[in-house]
C-alpha atoms as a PDB file:
ATOM      1  CA  MET A   1    -102.670  89.142 130.469  1.00  0.00           C
ATOM      2  CA  ASN A   2    -100.032  90.304 128.128  1.00  0.00           C
ATOM      3  CA  THR A   3     -96.575  89.659 129.657  1.00  0.00           C
ATOM      4  CA  SER A   4     -94.613  91.125 126.739  1.00  0.00           C
ATOM      5  CA  PRO A   5     -93.573  94.754 127.232  1.00  0.00           C
ATOM      6  CA  ASN A   6     -95.645  97.341 125.526  1.00  0.00           C
ATOM      7  CA  ILE A   7     -93.978  98.452 122.281  1.00  0.00           C
ATOM      8  CA  ILE A   8     -94.767 102.105 122.972  1.00  0.00           C
ATOM      9  CA  ASP A   9     -93.071 101.935 126.379  1.00  0.00           C
ATOM     10  CA  THR A  10     -90.058 100.266 124.792  1.00  0.00           C
ATOM     11  CA  VAL A  11     -89.780 102.987 122.121  1.00  0.00           C
ATOM     12  CA  ARG A  12     -90.129 105.709 124.790  1.00  0.00           C
ATOM     13  CA  ALA A  13     -87.417 104.102 126.899  1.00  0.00           C
ATOM     14  CA  LEU A  14     -85.182 103.764 123.844  1.00  0.00           C
ATOM     15  CA  LEU A  15     -85.676 107.429 122.893  1.00  0.00           C
ATOM     16  CA  SER A  16     -85.098 108.521 126.489  1.00  0.00           C
ATOM     17  CA  ASP A  17     -81.920 106.442 126.771  1.00  0.00           C
ATOM     18  CA  GLY A  18     -80.707 107.691 123.377  1.00  0.00           C
ATOM     19  CA  SER A  19     -81.337 111.280 124.385  1.00  0.00           C
ATOM     20  CA  LEU A  20     -79.501 110.761 127.667  1.00  0.00           C
ATOM     21  CA  LEU A  21     -76.595 109.137 125.855  1.00  0.00           C
ATOM     22  CA  ILE A  22     -76.323 112.058 123.429  1.00  0.00           C
ATOM     23  CA  ARG A  23     -76.400 114.594 126.284  1.00  0.00           C
ATOM     24  CA  GLN A  24     -73.698 112.667 128.123  1.00  0.00           C
ATOM     25  CA  GLU A  25     -71.550 112.475 124.998  1.00  0.00           C
ATOM     26  CA  ILE A  26     -71.895 116.239 124.476  1.00  0.00           C
ATOM     27  CA  LYS A  27     -71.009 116.843 128.120  1.00  0.00           C
ATOM     28  CA  LEU A  28     -67.954 114.582 127.755  1.00  0.00           C
ATOM     29  CA  ALA A  29     -66.887 116.380 124.555  1.00  0.00           C
ATOM     30  CA  LYS A  30     -67.166 119.772 126.280  1.00  0.00           C
ATOM     31  CA  ALA A  31     -65.161 118.558 129.266  1.00  0.00           C
ATOM     32  CA  GLU A  32     -62.476 117.101 127.018  1.00  0.00           C
ATOM     33  CA  ALA A  33     -62.324 120.293 124.926  1.00  0.00           C
ATOM     34  CA  GLU A  34     -61.874 122.373 128.086  1.00  0.00           C
ATOM     35  CA  GLU A  35     -59.137 120.003 129.228  1.00  0.00           C
ATOM     36  CA  LYS A  36     -57.350 120.309 125.879  1.00  0.00           C
ATOM     37  CA  ILE A  37     -57.643 124.117 125.984  1.00  0.00           C
ATOM     38  CA  ASP A  38     -56.085 124.105 129.454  1.00  0.00           C
ATOM     39  CA  GLN A  39     -53.329 121.810 128.153  1.00  0.00           C
ATOM     40  CA  ALA A  40     -52.673 124.147 125.215  1.00  0.00           C
ATOM     41  CA  GLN A  41     -52.543 127.169 127.533  1.00  0.00           C
ATOM     42  CA  SER A  42     -50.051 125.394 129.787  1.00  0.00           C
ATOM     43  CA  GLY A  43     -47.967 124.477 126.771  1.00  0.00           C
ATOM     44  CA  LEU A  44     -47.956 128.051 125.479  1.00  0.00           C
ATOM     45  CA  ILE A  45     -46.944 129.388 128.881  1.00  0.00           C
ATOM     46  CA  ALA A  46     -44.114 126.845 129.107  1.00  0.00           C
ATOM     47  CA  LEU A  47     -43.017 127.786 125.579  1.00  0.00           C
ATOM     48  CA  ALA A  48     -43.010 131.503 126.435  1.00  0.00           C
ATOM     49  CA  VAL A  49     -40.991 130.880 129.612  1.00  0.00           C
ATOM     50  CA  GLY A  50     -38.545 128.686 127.684  1.00  0.00           C
ATOM     51  CA  LEU A  51     -38.098 131.305 124.975  1.00  0.00           C
ATOM     52  CA  LEU A  52     -37.554 134.029 127.560  1.00  0.00           C
ATOM     53  CA  ILE A  53     -34.902 131.967 129.345  1.00  0.00           C
ATOM     54  CA  ALA A  54     -33.272 131.144 125.980  1.00  0.00           C
ATOM     55  CA  MET A  55     -33.128 134.878 125.201  1.00  0.00           C
ATOM     56  CA  VAL A  56     -31.471 135.594 128.548  1.00  0.00           C
ATOM     57  CA  ALA A  57     -28.994 132.766 127.925  1.00  0.00           C
ATOM     58  CA  LEU A  58     -28.197 134.203 124.502  1.00  0.00           C
ATOM     59  CA  LEU A  59     -27.552 137.619 126.026  1.00  0.00           C
ATOM     60  CA  VAL A  60     -25.196 136.073 128.595  1.00  0.00           C
ATOM     61  CA  LEU A  61     -23.347 134.201 125.850  1.00  0.00           C
ATOM     62  CA  VAL A  62     -23.018 137.354 123.754  1.00  0.00           C
ATOM     63  CA  GLN A  63     -21.656 139.195 126.794  1.00  0.00           C
ATOM     64  CA  ALA A  64     -19.200 136.345 127.367  1.00  0.00           C
ATOM     65  CA  LEU A  65     -18.071 136.674 123.751  1.00  0.00           C
ATOM     66  CA  VAL A  66     -17.545 140.410 124.206  1.00  0.00           C
ATOM     67  CA  VAL A  67     -15.537 139.815 127.393  1.00  0.00           C
ATOM     68  CA  ALA A  68     -13.453 137.112 125.706  1.00  0.00           C
ATOM     69  CA  LEU A  69     -12.724 139.335 122.714  1.00  0.00           C
ATOM     70  CA  GLY A  70     -12.013 142.169 125.164  1.00  0.00           C
ATOM     71  CA  ASN A  71      -8.978 140.183 126.307  1.00  0.00           C
ATOM     72  CA  LEU A  72      -7.613 140.288 122.750  1.00  0.00           C
ATOM     73  CA  MET A  73      -8.565 143.868 121.815  1.00  0.00           C
ATOM     74  CA  PRO A  74      -9.943 146.976 123.481  1.00  0.00           C
ATOM     75  CA  PRO A  75     -13.312 146.162 125.123  1.00  0.00           C
ATOM     76  CA  SER A  76     -15.143 148.883 123.195  1.00  0.00           C
ATOM     77  CA  LEU A  77     -13.885 147.462 119.900  1.00  0.00           C
ATOM     78  CA  ALA A  78     -14.921 143.945 121.000  1.00  0.00           C
ATOM     79  CA  ALA A  79     -18.432 145.166 121.828  1.00  0.00           C
ATOM     80  CA  LEU A  80     -18.634 147.032 118.504  1.00  0.00           C
ATOM     81  CA  LEU A  81     -17.450 143.979 116.561  1.00  0.00           C
ATOM     82  CA  VAL A  82     -19.969 141.641 118.218  1.00  0.00           C
ATOM     83  CA  GLY A  83     -22.762 144.221 117.812  1.00  0.00           C
ATOM     84  CA  VAL A  84     -22.053 144.695 114.109  1.00  0.00           C
ATOM     85  CA  ALA A  85     -21.878 140.928 113.525  1.00  0.00           C
ATOM     86  CA  LEU A  86     -25.220 140.407 115.264  1.00  0.00           C
ATOM     87  CA  ALA A  87     -26.767 143.322 113.352  1.00  0.00           C
ATOM     88  CA  VAL A  88     -25.661 141.775 110.042  1.00  0.00           C
ATOM     89  CA  ILE A  89     -27.103 138.378 111.051  1.00  0.00           C
ATOM     90  CA  ALA A  90     -30.374 140.050 112.098  1.00  0.00           C
ATOM     91  CA  PHE A  91     -30.549 142.020 108.836  1.00  0.00           C
ATOM     92  CA  VAL A  92     -30.049 138.878 106.732  1.00  0.00           C
ATOM     93  CA  ALA A  93     -32.669 136.961 108.727  1.00  0.00           C
ATOM     94  CA  ILE A  94     -35.226 139.788 108.500  1.00  0.00           C
ATOM     95  CA  THR A  95     -34.613 140.283 104.779  1.00  0.00           C
ATOM     96  CA  LYS A  96     -35.116 136.562 104.133  1.00  0.00           C
ATOM     97  CA  ALA A  97     -38.251 136.515 106.272  1.00  0.00           C
ATOM     98  CA  GLN A  98     -39.705 139.472 104.377  1.00  0.00           C
ATOM     99  CA  ALA A  99     -39.024 137.782 101.056  1.00  0.00           C
ATOM    100  CA  ASP A 100     -40.551 134.499 102.234  1.00  0.00           C
ATOM    101  CA  LEU A 101     -43.665 136.252 103.525  1.00  0.00           C
ATOM    102  CA  LYS A 102     -44.473 138.238 100.375  1.00  0.00           C
ATOM    103  CA  PRO A 103     -47.906 137.259  99.039  1.00  0.00           C
ATOM    104  CA  LYS A 104     -46.495 136.230  95.653  1.00  0.00           C
ATOM    105  CA  ASN A 105     -44.166 133.777  97.396  1.00  0.00           C
ATOM    106  CA  LEU A 106     -47.001 132.313  99.471  1.00  0.00           C
ATOM    107  CA  ALA A 107     -49.244 131.553  96.486  1.00  0.00           C
ATOM    108  CA  PRO A 108     -49.652 127.833  95.693  1.00  0.00           C
ATOM    109  CA  ARG A 109     -47.966 128.046  92.285  1.00  0.00           C
ATOM    110  CA  ARG A 110     -47.910 124.317  91.519  1.00  0.00           C
ATOM    111  CA  THR A 111     -51.585 123.935  92.347  1.00  0.00           C
ATOM    112  CA  VAL A 112     -52.543 126.969  90.248  1.00  0.00           C
ATOM    113  CA  LYS A 113     -50.470 125.625  87.358  1.00  0.00           C
ATOM    114  CA  SER A 114     -51.992 122.147  87.701  1.00  0.00           C
ATOM    115  CA  VAL A 115     -55.560 123.502  87.819  1.00  0.00           C
ATOM    116  CA  SER A 116     -54.847 125.694  84.805  1.00  0.00           C
ATOM    117  CA  GLU A 117     -53.431 122.745  82.855  1.00  0.00           C
ATOM    118  CA  SER A 118     -56.407 120.587  83.835  1.00  0.00           C
ATOM    119  CA  ALA A 119     -58.834 123.284  82.705  1.00  0.00           C
ATOM    120  CA  ILE A 120     -57.047 123.525  79.346  1.00  0.00           C
ATOM    121  CA  ALA A 121     -57.117 119.723  78.947  1.00  0.00           C
ATOM    122  CA  ILE A 122     -60.852 119.622  79.732  1.00  0.00           C
ATOM    123  CA  LYS A 123     -61.569 122.392  77.220  1.00  0.00           C
ATOM    124  CA  GLU A 124     -59.587 120.557  74.564  1.00  0.00           C
ATOM    125  CA  ALA A 125     -61.445 117.318  75.291  1.00  0.00           C
ATOM    126  CA  ILE A 126     -64.802 119.024  74.875  1.00  0.00           C
END
């Protein structure tokens, strides 16, 4: 009798175990991806809540500034002064953002220049 395991049975067992291992790894990857998606969703919700609370806090602080200035000048003038100052700050921020987001400002200029110089150098070498 042959006491050594049959090579075919060994190969079958190896393929079966390998297949099972791959399925388990895929299942683990899916579970981990779902967990990370849930974590990202929780993080985004916390960020949104934090930003909302920060906005409310900013409004309260602006109102406090208006009230404080209202002790030094007529309240309507204090509100107008704070409103104009905030409008100017908003205008400057929006103007800068628009300039930064123009397609010509987003182009990778250094990379384009480097590739162009490399192409010229290659042509000259040939």
